[in-house]
Amino acid sequence: MGRHSRFFPRLSSHGHVAVKHAPYSSAMSYEPTTIATLRRALDEVIRDSRFRQRKQASVLEVAEHILAQAATGERDLERLKASAFQKLIASQARLPSEAA
């Protein structure tokens, strides 16, 4: 099993502190097709204008959310993306209004 198939996302050879201490196991293992689906979901979300308009969420936060969804068993590309966008919308709703 390759180093990328054991862990998603792999940002560097040392990983990211937030990823290392996230509430999921770094020992999780996914099939290559699942990893491809998770990666595609992340890529499509961060390329979407809805993501670029919401500056409060980082790519890492979106990746962690998608990974958390996968940990619960979600594998459908469209549901993974919809969940990520729901998280973005919920995050924005919690921020104080900048118009005030």
PDB file of N, CA and C in Angstrom:
ATOM      1  N   MET A   1       0.848  -1.170   0.000  1.00  0.00           N
ATOM      2  CA  MET A   1       0.000   0.000   0.000  1.00  0.00           C
ATOM      3  C   MET A   1       0.892   1.229   0.000  1.00  0.00           C
ATOM      4  N   GLY A   2       0.612   2.178  -0.924  1.00  0.00           N
ATOM      5  CA  GLY A   2       1.421   3.380  -1.039  1.00  0.00           C
ATOM      6  C   GLY A   2       1.177   4.333   0.109  1.00  0.00           C
ATOM      7  N   ARG A   3       2.074   5.281   0.275  1.00  0.00           N
ATOM      8  CA  ARG A   3       1.944   6.202   1.398  1.00  0.00           C
ATOM      9  C   ARG A   3       0.706   7.067   1.298  1.00  0.00           C
ATOM     10  N   HIS A   4       0.216   7.347   0.095  1.00  0.00           N
ATOM     11  CA  HIS A   4      -0.973   8.179  -0.045  1.00  0.00           C
ATOM     12  C   HIS A   4      -2.259   7.395   0.194  1.00  0.00           C
ATOM     13  N   SER A   5      -2.222   6.100   0.123  1.00  0.00           N
ATOM     14  CA  SER A   5      -3.446   5.339   0.319  1.00  0.00           C
ATOM     15  C   SER A   5      -3.762   5.137   1.797  1.00  0.00           C
ATOM     16  N   ARG A   6      -2.837   5.402   2.686  1.00  0.00           N
ATOM     17  CA  ARG A   6      -3.070   5.229   4.121  1.00  0.00           C
ATOM     18  C   ARG A   6      -3.675   6.457   4.760  1.00  0.00           C
ATOM     19  N   PHE A   7      -3.507   7.628   4.136  1.00  0.00           N
ATOM     20  CA  PHE A   7      -3.872   8.855   4.822  1.00  0.00           C
ATOM     21  C   PHE A   7      -4.278   9.917   3.823  1.00  0.00           C
ATOM     22  N   PHE A   8      -5.332  10.631   4.094  1.00  0.00           N
ATOM     23  CA  PHE A   8      -5.794  11.698   3.227  1.00  0.00           C
ATOM     24  C   PHE A   8      -6.135  12.894   4.087  1.00  0.00           C
ATOM     25  N   PRO A   9      -5.783  14.088   3.823  1.00  0.00           N
ATOM     26  CA  PRO A   9      -4.853  14.486   2.790  1.00  0.00           C
ATOM     27  C   PRO A   9      -3.426  14.420   3.304  1.00  0.00           C
ATOM     28  N   ARG A  10      -2.483  14.261   2.463  1.00  0.00           N
ATOM     29  CA  ARG A  10      -1.074  14.251   2.825  1.00  0.00           C
ATOM     30  C   ARG A  10      -0.479  15.527   2.270  1.00  0.00           C
ATOM     31  N   LEU A  11      -0.311  16.519   3.121  1.00  0.00           N
ATOM     32  CA  LEU A  11       0.109  17.832   2.669  1.00  0.00           C
ATOM     33  C   LEU A  11       1.616  17.969   2.539  1.00  0.00           C
ATOM     34  N   SER A  12       2.340  17.233   3.333  1.00  0.00           N
ATOM     35  CA  SER A  12       3.800  17.254   3.263  1.00  0.00           C
ATOM     36  C   SER A  12       4.316  15.958   3.862  1.00  0.00           C
ATOM     37  N   SER A  13       5.611  15.761   3.818  1.00  0.00           N
ATOM     38  CA  SER A  13       6.160  14.532   4.390  1.00  0.00           C
ATOM     39  C   SER A  13       5.961  14.478   5.902  1.00  0.00           C
ATOM     40  N   HIS A  14       5.725  15.623   6.533  1.00  0.00           N
ATOM     41  CA  HIS A  14       5.512  15.672   7.979  1.00  0.00           C
ATOM     42  C   HIS A  14       4.045  15.807   8.352  1.00  0.00           C
ATOM     43  N   GLY A  15       3.176  16.031   7.370  1.00  0.00           N
ATOM     44  CA  GLY A  15       1.762  16.219   7.658  1.00  0.00           C
ATOM     45  C   GLY A  15       1.522  17.607   8.220  1.00  0.00           C
ATOM     46  N   HIS A  16       0.323  17.879   8.604  1.00  0.00           N
ATOM     47  CA  HIS A  16      -0.064  19.169   9.153  1.00  0.00           C
ATOM     48  C   HIS A  16      -0.508  18.950  10.594  1.00  0.00           C
ATOM     49  N   VAL A  17      -0.135  19.834  11.478  1.00  0.00           N
ATOM     50  CA  VAL A  17      -0.451  19.664  12.893  1.00  0.00           C
ATOM     51  C   VAL A  17      -1.947  19.442  13.098  1.00  0.00           C
ATOM     52  N   ALA A  18      -2.792  20.235  12.427  1.00  0.00           N
ATOM     53  CA  ALA A  18      -4.242  20.082  12.595  1.00  0.00           C
ATOM     54  C   ALA A  18      -4.708  18.716  12.117  1.00  0.00           C
ATOM     55  N   VAL A  19      -4.092  18.186  11.083  1.00  0.00           N
ATOM     56  CA  VAL A  19      -4.458  16.867  10.575  1.00  0.00           C
ATOM     57  C   VAL A  19      -4.001  15.790  11.540  1.00  0.00           C
ATOM     58  N   LYS A  20      -2.800  15.926  12.072  1.00  0.00           N
ATOM     59  CA  LYS A  20      -2.276  14.918  12.991  1.00  0.00           C
ATOM     60  C   LYS A  20      -3.119  14.802  14.253  1.00  0.00           C
ATOM     61  N   HIS A  21      -3.733  15.886  14.676  1.00  0.00           N
ATOM     62  CA  HIS A  21      -4.496  15.881  15.920  1.00  0.00           C
ATOM     63  C   HIS A  21      -6.006  15.943  15.686  1.00  0.00           C
ATOM     64  N   ALA A  22      -6.436  15.673  14.464  1.00  0.00           N
ATOM     65  CA  ALA A  22      -7.865  15.689  14.147  1.00  0.00           C
ATOM     66  C   ALA A  22      -8.552  14.511  14.830  1.00  0.00           C
ATOM     67  N   PRO A  23      -9.876  14.568  14.959  1.00  0.00           N
ATOM     68  CA  PRO A  23     -10.610  13.535  15.705  1.00  0.00           C
ATOM     69  C   PRO A  23     -10.846  12.243  14.930  1.00  0.00           C
ATOM     70  N   TYR A  24      -9.953  11.896  14.066  1.00  0.00           N
ATOM     71  CA  TYR A  24     -10.054  10.637  13.350  1.00  0.00           C
ATOM     72  C   TYR A  24      -8.703   9.959  13.383  1.00  0.00           C
ATOM     73  N   SER A  25      -8.677   8.699  13.085  1.00  0.00           N
ATOM     74  CA  SER A  25      -7.451   7.919  13.182  1.00  0.00           C
ATOM     75  C   SER A  25      -6.581   8.089  11.947  1.00  0.00           C
ATOM     76  N   SER A  26      -5.313   8.393  12.150  1.00  0.00           N
ATOM     77  CA  SER A  26      -4.397   8.501  11.020  1.00  0.00           C
ATOM     78  C   SER A  26      -4.064   7.128  10.456  1.00  0.00           C
ATOM     79  N   ALA A  27      -4.521   6.066  11.104  1.00  0.00           N
ATOM     80  CA  ALA A  27      -4.274   4.715  10.620  1.00  0.00           C
ATOM     81  C   ALA A  27      -5.390   4.238   9.693  1.00  0.00           C
ATOM     82  N   MET A  28      -6.370   5.119   9.381  1.00  0.00           N
ATOM     83  CA  MET A  28      -7.439   4.726   8.474  1.00  0.00           C
ATOM     84  C   MET A  28      -6.844   4.368   7.130  1.00  0.00           C
ATOM     85  N   SER A  29      -7.477   3.416   6.479  1.00  0.00           N
ATOM     86  CA  SER A  29      -7.004   2.977   5.180  1.00  0.00           C
ATOM     87  C   SER A  29      -8.178   2.950   4.218  1.00  0.00           C
ATOM     88  N   TYR A  30      -7.976   3.461   3.023  1.00  0.00           N
ATOM     89  CA  TYR A  30      -9.020   3.504   2.012  1.00  0.00           C
ATOM     90  C   TYR A  30      -8.535   2.860   0.722  1.00  0.00           C
ATOM     91  N   GLU A  31      -9.479   2.327  -0.019  1.00  0.00           N
ATOM     92  CA  GLU A  31      -9.203   1.764  -1.338  1.00  0.00           C
ATOM     93  C   GLU A  31      -8.796   2.899  -2.280  1.00  0.00           C
ATOM     94  N   PRO A  32      -8.026   2.596  -3.307  1.00  0.00           N
ATOM     95  CA  PRO A  32      -7.631   3.642  -4.263  1.00  0.00           C
ATOM     96  C   PRO A  32      -8.815   4.371  -4.898  1.00  0.00           C
ATOM     97  N   THR A  33      -9.911   3.662  -5.167  1.00  0.00           N
ATOM     98  CA  THR A  33     -11.076   4.331  -5.757  1.00  0.00           C
ATOM     99  C   THR A  33     -11.707   5.312  -4.773  1.00  0.00           C
ATOM    100  N   THR A  34     -11.689   4.989  -3.488  1.00  0.00           N
ATOM    101  CA  THR A  34     -12.216   5.898  -2.470  1.00  0.00           C
ATOM    102  C   THR A  34     -11.338   7.131  -2.367  1.00  0.00           C
ATOM    103  N   ILE A  35     -10.050   6.933  -2.377  1.00  0.00           N
ATOM    104  CA  ILE A  35      -9.119   8.071  -2.309  1.00  0.00           C
ATOM    105  C   ILE A  35      -9.320   8.980  -3.510  1.00  0.00           C
ATOM    106  N   ALA A  36      -9.508   8.382  -4.679  1.00  0.00           N
ATOM    107  CA  ALA A  36      -9.744   9.179  -5.881  1.00  0.00           C
ATOM    108  C   ALA A  36     -11.035   9.987  -5.751  1.00  0.00           C
ATOM    109  N   THR A  37     -12.071   9.400  -5.183  1.00  0.00           N
ATOM    110  CA  THR A  37     -13.339  10.106  -4.984  1.00  0.00           C
ATOM    111  C   THR A  37     -13.166  11.239  -3.986  1.00  0.00           C
ATOM    112  N   LEU A  38     -12.463  10.991  -2.890  1.00  0.00           N
ATOM    113  CA  LEU A  38     -12.234  12.036  -1.887  1.00  0.00           C
ATOM    114  C   LEU A  38     -11.441  13.188  -2.488  1.00  0.00           C
ATOM    115  N   ARG A  39     -10.426  12.849  -3.255  1.00  0.00           N
ATOM    116  CA  ARG A  39      -9.594  13.881  -3.888  1.00  0.00           C
ATOM    117  C   ARG A  39     -10.402  14.696  -4.886  1.00  0.00           C
ATOM    118  N   ARG A  40     -11.223  13.997  -5.680  1.00  0.00           N
ATOM    119  CA  ARG A  40     -12.045  14.698  -6.665  1.00  0.00           C
ATOM    120  C   ARG A  40     -13.036  15.628  -5.968  1.00  0.00           C
ATOM    121  N   ALA A  41     -13.645  15.165  -4.888  1.00  0.00           N
ATOM    122  CA  ALA A  41     -14.576  16.016  -4.139  1.00  0.00           C
ATOM    123  C   ALA A  41     -13.870  17.272  -3.648  1.00  0.00           C
ATOM    124  N   LEU A  42     -12.696  17.103  -3.060  1.00  0.00           N
ATOM    125  CA  LEU A  42     -11.932  18.255  -2.579  1.00  0.00           C
ATOM    126  C   LEU A  42     -11.586  19.198  -3.723  1.00  0.00           C
ATOM    127  N   ASP A  43     -11.071  18.644  -4.813  1.00  0.00           N
ATOM    128  CA  ASP A  43     -10.696  19.477  -5.962  1.00  0.00           C
ATOM    129  C   ASP A  43     -11.881  20.267  -6.495  1.00  0.00           C
ATOM    130  N   GLU A  44     -13.031  19.606  -6.628  1.00  0.00           N
ATOM    131  CA  GLU A  44     -14.201  20.282  -7.180  1.00  0.00           C
ATOM    132  C   GLU A  44     -14.743  21.352  -6.232  1.00  0.00           C
ATOM    133  N   VAL A  45     -14.670  21.104  -4.941  1.00  0.00           N
ATOM    134  CA  VAL A  45     -15.150  22.106  -3.979  1.00  0.00           C
ATOM    135  C   VAL A  45     -14.245  23.336  -3.997  1.00  0.00           C
ATOM    136  N   ILE A  46     -12.947  23.144  -3.960  1.00  0.00           N
ATOM    137  CA  ILE A  46     -12.053  24.311  -3.867  1.00  0.00           C
ATOM    138  C   ILE A  46     -11.946  25.075  -5.189  1.00  0.00           C
ATOM    139  N   ARG A  47     -12.339  24.462  -6.279  1.00  0.00           N
ATOM    140  CA  ARG A  47     -12.352  25.172  -7.568  1.00  0.00           C
ATOM    141  C   ARG A  47     -13.673  25.896  -7.809  1.00  0.00           C
ATOM    142  N   ASP A  48     -14.658  25.631  -7.007  1.00  0.00           N
ATOM    143  CA  ASP A  48     -15.981  26.220  -7.167  1.00  0.00           C
ATOM    144  C   ASP A  48     -15.976  27.655  -6.630  1.00  0.00           C
ATOM    145  N   SER A  49     -16.705  28.532  -7.293  1.00  0.00           N
ATOM    146  CA  SER A  49     -16.739  29.940  -6.865  1.00  0.00           C
ATOM    147  C   SER A  49     -17.318  30.100  -5.463  1.00  0.00           C
ATOM    148  N   ARG A  50     -18.199  29.190  -5.041  1.00  0.00           N
ATOM    149  CA  ARG A  50     -18.762  29.275  -3.684  1.00  0.00           C
ATOM    150  C   ARG A  50     -17.674  29.138  -2.632  1.00  0.00           C
ATOM    151  N   PHE A  51     -16.647  28.346  -2.895  1.00  0.00           N
ATOM    152  CA  PHE A  51     -15.537  28.216  -1.947  1.00  0.00           C
ATOM    153  C   PHE A  51     -14.699  29.487  -1.947  1.00  0.00           C
ATOM    154  N   ARG A  52     -14.379  29.983  -3.120  1.00  0.00           N
ATOM    155  CA  ARG A  52     -13.520  31.172  -3.211  1.00  0.00           C
ATOM    156  C   ARG A  52     -14.168  32.398  -2.583  1.00  0.00           C
ATOM    157  N   GLN A  53     -15.512  32.452  -2.557  1.00  0.00           N
ATOM    158  CA  GLN A  53     -16.213  33.592  -1.969  1.00  0.00           C
ATOM    159  C   GLN A  53     -16.218  33.534  -0.447  1.00  0.00           C
ATOM    160  N   ARG A  54     -15.958  32.377   0.138  1.00  0.00           N
ATOM    161  CA  ARG A  54     -16.022  32.212   1.594  1.00  0.00           C
ATOM    162  C   ARG A  54     -14.607  32.062   2.134  1.00  0.00           C
ATOM    163  N   LYS A  55     -14.015  33.159   2.460  1.00  0.00           N
ATOM    164  CA  LYS A  55     -12.612  33.160   2.862  1.00  0.00           C
ATOM    165  C   LYS A  55     -12.360  32.614   4.256  1.00  0.00           C
ATOM    166  N   GLN A  56     -13.403  32.373   5.058  1.00  0.00           N
ATOM    167  CA  GLN A  56     -13.197  31.905   6.423  1.00  0.00           C
ATOM    168  C   GLN A  56     -12.850  30.415   6.486  1.00  0.00           C
ATOM    169  N   ALA A  57     -13.055  29.656   5.414  1.00  0.00           N
ATOM    170  CA  ALA A  57     -12.755  28.223   5.433  1.00  0.00           C
ATOM    171  C   ALA A  57     -11.500  27.957   4.610  1.00  0.00           C
ATOM    172  N   SER A  58     -10.577  27.222   5.196  1.00  0.00           N
ATOM    173  CA  SER A  58      -9.351  26.886   4.479  1.00  0.00           C
ATOM    174  C   SER A  58      -9.532  25.578   3.720  1.00  0.00           C
ATOM    175  N   VAL A  59      -8.644  25.323   2.802  1.00  0.00           N
ATOM    176  CA  VAL A  59      -8.649  24.064   2.064  1.00  0.00           C
ATOM    177  C   VAL A  59      -8.492  22.903   3.042  1.00  0.00           C
ATOM    178  N   LEU A  60      -7.661  23.077   4.043  1.00  0.00           N
ATOM    179  CA  LEU A  60      -7.457  22.023   5.041  1.00  0.00           C
ATOM    180  C   LEU A  60      -8.759  21.708   5.775  1.00  0.00           C
ATOM    181  N   GLU A  61      -9.511  22.742   6.146  1.00  0.00           N
ATOM    182  CA  GLU A  61     -10.786  22.513   6.838  1.00  0.00           C
ATOM    183  C   GLU A  61     -11.766  21.736   5.964  1.00  0.00           C
ATOM    184  N   VAL A  62     -11.806  22.073   4.682  1.00  0.00           N
ATOM    185  CA  VAL A  62     -12.685  21.356   3.762  1.00  0.00           C
ATOM    186  C   VAL A  62     -12.216  19.910   3.624  1.00  0.00           C
ATOM    187  N   ALA A  63     -10.908  19.711   3.481  1.00  0.00           N
ATOM    188  CA  ALA A  63     -10.366  18.351   3.362  1.00  0.00           C
ATOM    189  C   ALA A  63     -10.675  17.525   4.607  1.00  0.00           C
ATOM    190  N   GLU A  64     -10.526  18.117   5.776  1.00  0.00           N
ATOM    191  CA  GLU A  64     -10.826  17.403   7.015  1.00  0.00           C
ATOM    192  C   GLU A  64     -12.304  17.053   7.099  1.00  0.00           C
ATOM    193  N   HIS A  65     -13.165  17.948   6.636  1.00  0.00           N
ATOM    194  CA  HIS A  65     -14.597  17.667   6.650  1.00  0.00           C
ATOM    195  C   HIS A  65     -14.924  16.496   5.718  1.00  0.00           C
ATOM    196  N   ILE A  66     -14.362  16.517   4.529  1.00  0.00           N
ATOM    197  CA  ILE A  66     -14.593  15.425   3.575  1.00  0.00           C
ATOM    198  C   ILE A  66     -14.068  14.116   4.144  1.00  0.00           C
ATOM    199  N   LEU A  67     -12.917  14.156   4.758  1.00  0.00           N
ATOM    200  CA  LEU A  67     -12.354  12.952   5.364  1.00  0.00           C
ATOM    201  C   LEU A  67     -13.230  12.446   6.503  1.00  0.00           C
ATOM    202  N   ALA A  68     -13.759  13.353   7.297  1.00  0.00           N
ATOM    203  CA  ALA A  68     -14.658  12.953   8.391  1.00  0.00           C
ATOM    204  C   ALA A  68     -15.916  12.292   7.833  1.00  0.00           C
ATOM    205  N   GLN A  69     -16.421  12.814   6.719  1.00  0.00           N
ATOM    206  CA  GLN A  69     -17.585  12.191   6.081  1.00  0.00           C
ATOM    207  C   GLN A  69     -17.241  10.788   5.591  1.00  0.00           C
ATOM    208  N   ALA A  70     -16.060  10.626   5.032  1.00  0.00           N
ATOM    209  CA  ALA A  70     -15.621   9.302   4.576  1.00  0.00           C
ATOM    210  C   ALA A  70     -15.487   8.345   5.748  1.00  0.00           C
ATOM    211  N   ALA A  71     -15.046   8.855   6.892  1.00  0.00           N
ATOM    212  CA  ALA A  71     -14.888   8.011   8.075  1.00  0.00           C
ATOM    213  C   ALA A  71     -16.235   7.475   8.560  1.00  0.00           C
ATOM    214  N   THR A  72     -17.321   8.191   8.244  1.00  0.00           N
ATOM    215  CA  THR A  72     -18.660   7.712   8.617  1.00  0.00           C
ATOM    216  C   THR A  72     -19.241   6.792   7.554  1.00  0.00           C
ATOM    217  N   GLY A  73     -18.497   6.600   6.471  1.00  0.00           N
ATOM    218  CA  GLY A  73     -18.930   5.668   5.431  1.00  0.00           C
ATOM    219  C   GLY A  73     -19.394   6.300   4.137  1.00  0.00           C
ATOM    220  N   GLU A  74     -19.410   7.627   4.072  1.00  0.00           N
ATOM    221  CA  GLU A  74     -19.868   8.297   2.845  1.00  0.00           C
ATOM    222  C   GLU A  74     -18.845   8.114   1.726  1.00  0.00           C
ATOM    223  N   ARG A  75     -19.326   7.709   0.555  1.00  0.00           N
ATOM    224  CA  ARG A  75     -18.439   7.518  -0.598  1.00  0.00           C
ATOM    225  C   ARG A  75     -18.974   8.169  -1.864  1.00  0.00           C
ATOM    226  N   ASP A  76     -20.184   8.742  -1.795  1.00  0.00           N
ATOM    227  CA  ASP A  76     -20.792   9.340  -2.969  1.00  0.00           C
ATOM    228  C   ASP A  76     -20.213  10.729  -3.216  1.00  0.00           C
ATOM    229  N   LEU A  77     -19.704  10.958  -4.414  1.00  0.00           N
ATOM    230  CA  LEU A  77     -19.058  12.216  -4.761  1.00  0.00           C
ATOM    231  C   LEU A  77     -19.980  13.409  -4.544  1.00  0.00           C
ATOM    232  N   GLU A  78     -21.174  13.336  -5.047  1.00  0.00           N
ATOM    233  CA  GLU A  78     -22.095  14.476  -4.943  1.00  0.00           C
ATOM    234  C   GLU A  78     -22.500  14.751  -3.493  1.00  0.00           C
ATOM    235  N   ARG A  79     -22.694  13.723  -2.697  1.00  0.00           N
ATOM    236  CA  ARG A  79     -23.038  13.942  -1.284  1.00  0.00           C
ATOM    237  C   ARG A  79     -21.851  14.499  -0.513  1.00  0.00           C
ATOM    238  N   LEU A  80     -20.638  14.065  -0.838  1.00  0.00           N
ATOM    239  CA  LEU A  80     -19.443  14.622  -0.191  1.00  0.00           C
ATOM    240  C   LEU A  80     -19.329  16.118  -0.493  1.00  0.00           C
ATOM    241  N   LYS A  81     -19.516  16.485  -1.749  1.00  0.00           N
ATOM    242  CA  LYS A  81     -19.434  17.891  -2.133  1.00  0.00           C
ATOM    243  C   LYS A  81     -20.555  18.708  -1.486  1.00  0.00           C
ATOM    244  N   ALA A  82     -21.772  18.173  -1.497  1.00  0.00           N
ATOM    245  CA  ALA A  82     -22.904  18.891  -0.892  1.00  0.00           C
ATOM    246  C   ALA A  82     -22.661  19.126   0.593  1.00  0.00           C
ATOM    247  N   SER A  83     -22.117  18.137   1.264  1.00  0.00           N
ATOM    248  CA  SER A  83     -21.823  18.262   2.687  1.00  0.00           C
ATOM    249  C   SER A  83     -20.769  19.347   2.927  1.00  0.00           C
ATOM    250  N   ALA A  84     -19.751  19.380   2.077  1.00  0.00           N
ATOM    251  CA  ALA A  84     -18.699  20.397   2.216  1.00  0.00           C
ATOM    252  C   ALA A  84     -19.279  21.794   2.009  1.00  0.00           C
ATOM    253  N   PHE A  85     -20.154  21.951   1.018  1.00  0.00           N
ATOM    254  CA  PHE A  85     -20.765  23.261   0.793  1.00  0.00           C
ATOM    255  C   PHE A  85     -21.703  23.645   1.938  1.00  0.00           C
ATOM    256  N   GLN A  86     -22.402  22.670   2.509  1.00  0.00           N
ATOM    257  CA  GLN A  86     -23.238  22.953   3.679  1.00  0.00           C
ATOM    258  C   GLN A  86     -22.377  23.458   4.831  1.00  0.00           C
ATOM    259  N   LYS A  87     -21.204  22.865   5.001  1.00  0.00           N
ATOM    260  CA  LYS A  87     -20.281  23.303   6.048  1.00  0.00           C
ATOM    261  C   LYS A  87     -19.832  24.745   5.781  1.00  0.00           C
ATOM    262  N   LEU A  88     -19.543  25.064   4.532  1.00  0.00           N
ATOM    263  CA  LEU A  88     -19.131  26.426   4.194  1.00  0.00           C
ATOM    264  C   LEU A  88     -20.241  27.424   4.505  1.00  0.00           C
ATOM    265  N   ILE A  89     -21.464  27.074   4.152  1.00  0.00           N
ATOM    266  CA  ILE A  89     -22.606  27.957   4.399  1.00  0.00           C
ATOM    267  C   ILE A  89     -22.829  28.128   5.902  1.00  0.00           C
ATOM    268  N   ALA A  90     -22.740  27.022   6.651  1.00  0.00           N
ATOM    269  CA  ALA A  90     -22.921  27.085   8.101  1.00  0.00           C
ATOM    270  C   ALA A  90     -21.826  27.920   8.750  1.00  0.00           C
ATOM    271  N   SER A  91     -20.597  27.792   8.265  1.00  0.00           N
ATOM    272  CA  SER A  91     -19.485  28.575   8.815  1.00  0.00           C
ATOM    273  C   SER A  91     -19.701  30.055   8.592  1.00  0.00           C
ATOM    274  N   GLN A  92     -20.197  30.416   7.422  1.00  0.00           N
ATOM    275  CA  GLN A  92     -20.428  31.821   7.121  1.00  0.00           C
ATOM    276  C   GLN A  92     -21.560  32.378   7.969  1.00  0.00           C
ATOM    277  N   ALA A  93     -22.573  31.584   8.219  1.00  0.00           N
ATOM    278  CA  ALA A  93     -23.718  32.047   9.007  1.00  0.00           C
ATOM    279  C   ALA A  93     -23.320  32.367  10.442  1.00  0.00           C
ATOM    280  N   ARG A  94     -22.272  31.716  10.946  1.00  0.00           N
ATOM    281  CA  ARG A  94     -21.823  31.956  12.323  1.00  0.00           C
ATOM    282  C   ARG A  94     -20.950  33.194  12.462  1.00  0.00           C
ATOM    283  N   LEU A  95     -20.451  33.724  11.354  1.00  0.00           N
ATOM    284  CA  LEU A  95     -19.592  34.909  11.427  1.00  0.00           C
ATOM    285  C   LEU A  95     -20.422  36.172  11.632  1.00  0.00           C
ATOM    286  N   PRO A  96     -19.881  37.149  12.368  1.00  0.00           N
ATOM    287  CA  PRO A  96     -20.605  38.413  12.529  1.00  0.00           C
ATOM    288  C   PRO A  96     -20.692  39.114  11.174  1.00  0.00           C
ATOM    289  N   SER A  97     -21.716  39.870  10.948  1.00  0.00           N
ATOM    290  CA  SER A  97     -21.919  40.569   9.690  1.00  0.00           C
ATOM    291  C   SER A  97     -20.832  41.622   9.497  1.00  0.00           C
ATOM    292  N   GLU A  98     -20.273  41.649   8.291  1.00  0.00           N
ATOM    293  CA  GLU A  98     -19.258  42.648   7.991  1.00  0.00           C
ATOM    294  C   GLU A  98     -19.893  43.960   7.561  1.00  0.00           C
ATOM    295  N   ALA A  99     -21.206  43.956   7.312  1.00  0.00           N
ATOM    296  CA  ALA A  99     -21.888  45.153   6.856  1.00  0.00           C
ATOM    297  C   ALA A  99     -22.164  46.140   7.999  1.00  0.00           C
ATOM    298  N   ALA A 100     -22.083  45.680   9.223  1.00  0.00           N
ATOM    299  CA  ALA A 100     -22.410  46.521  10.377  1.00  0.00           C
ATOM    300  C   ALA A 100     -21.370  47.577  10.634  1.00  0.00           C
TER     301      ALA A 100
END
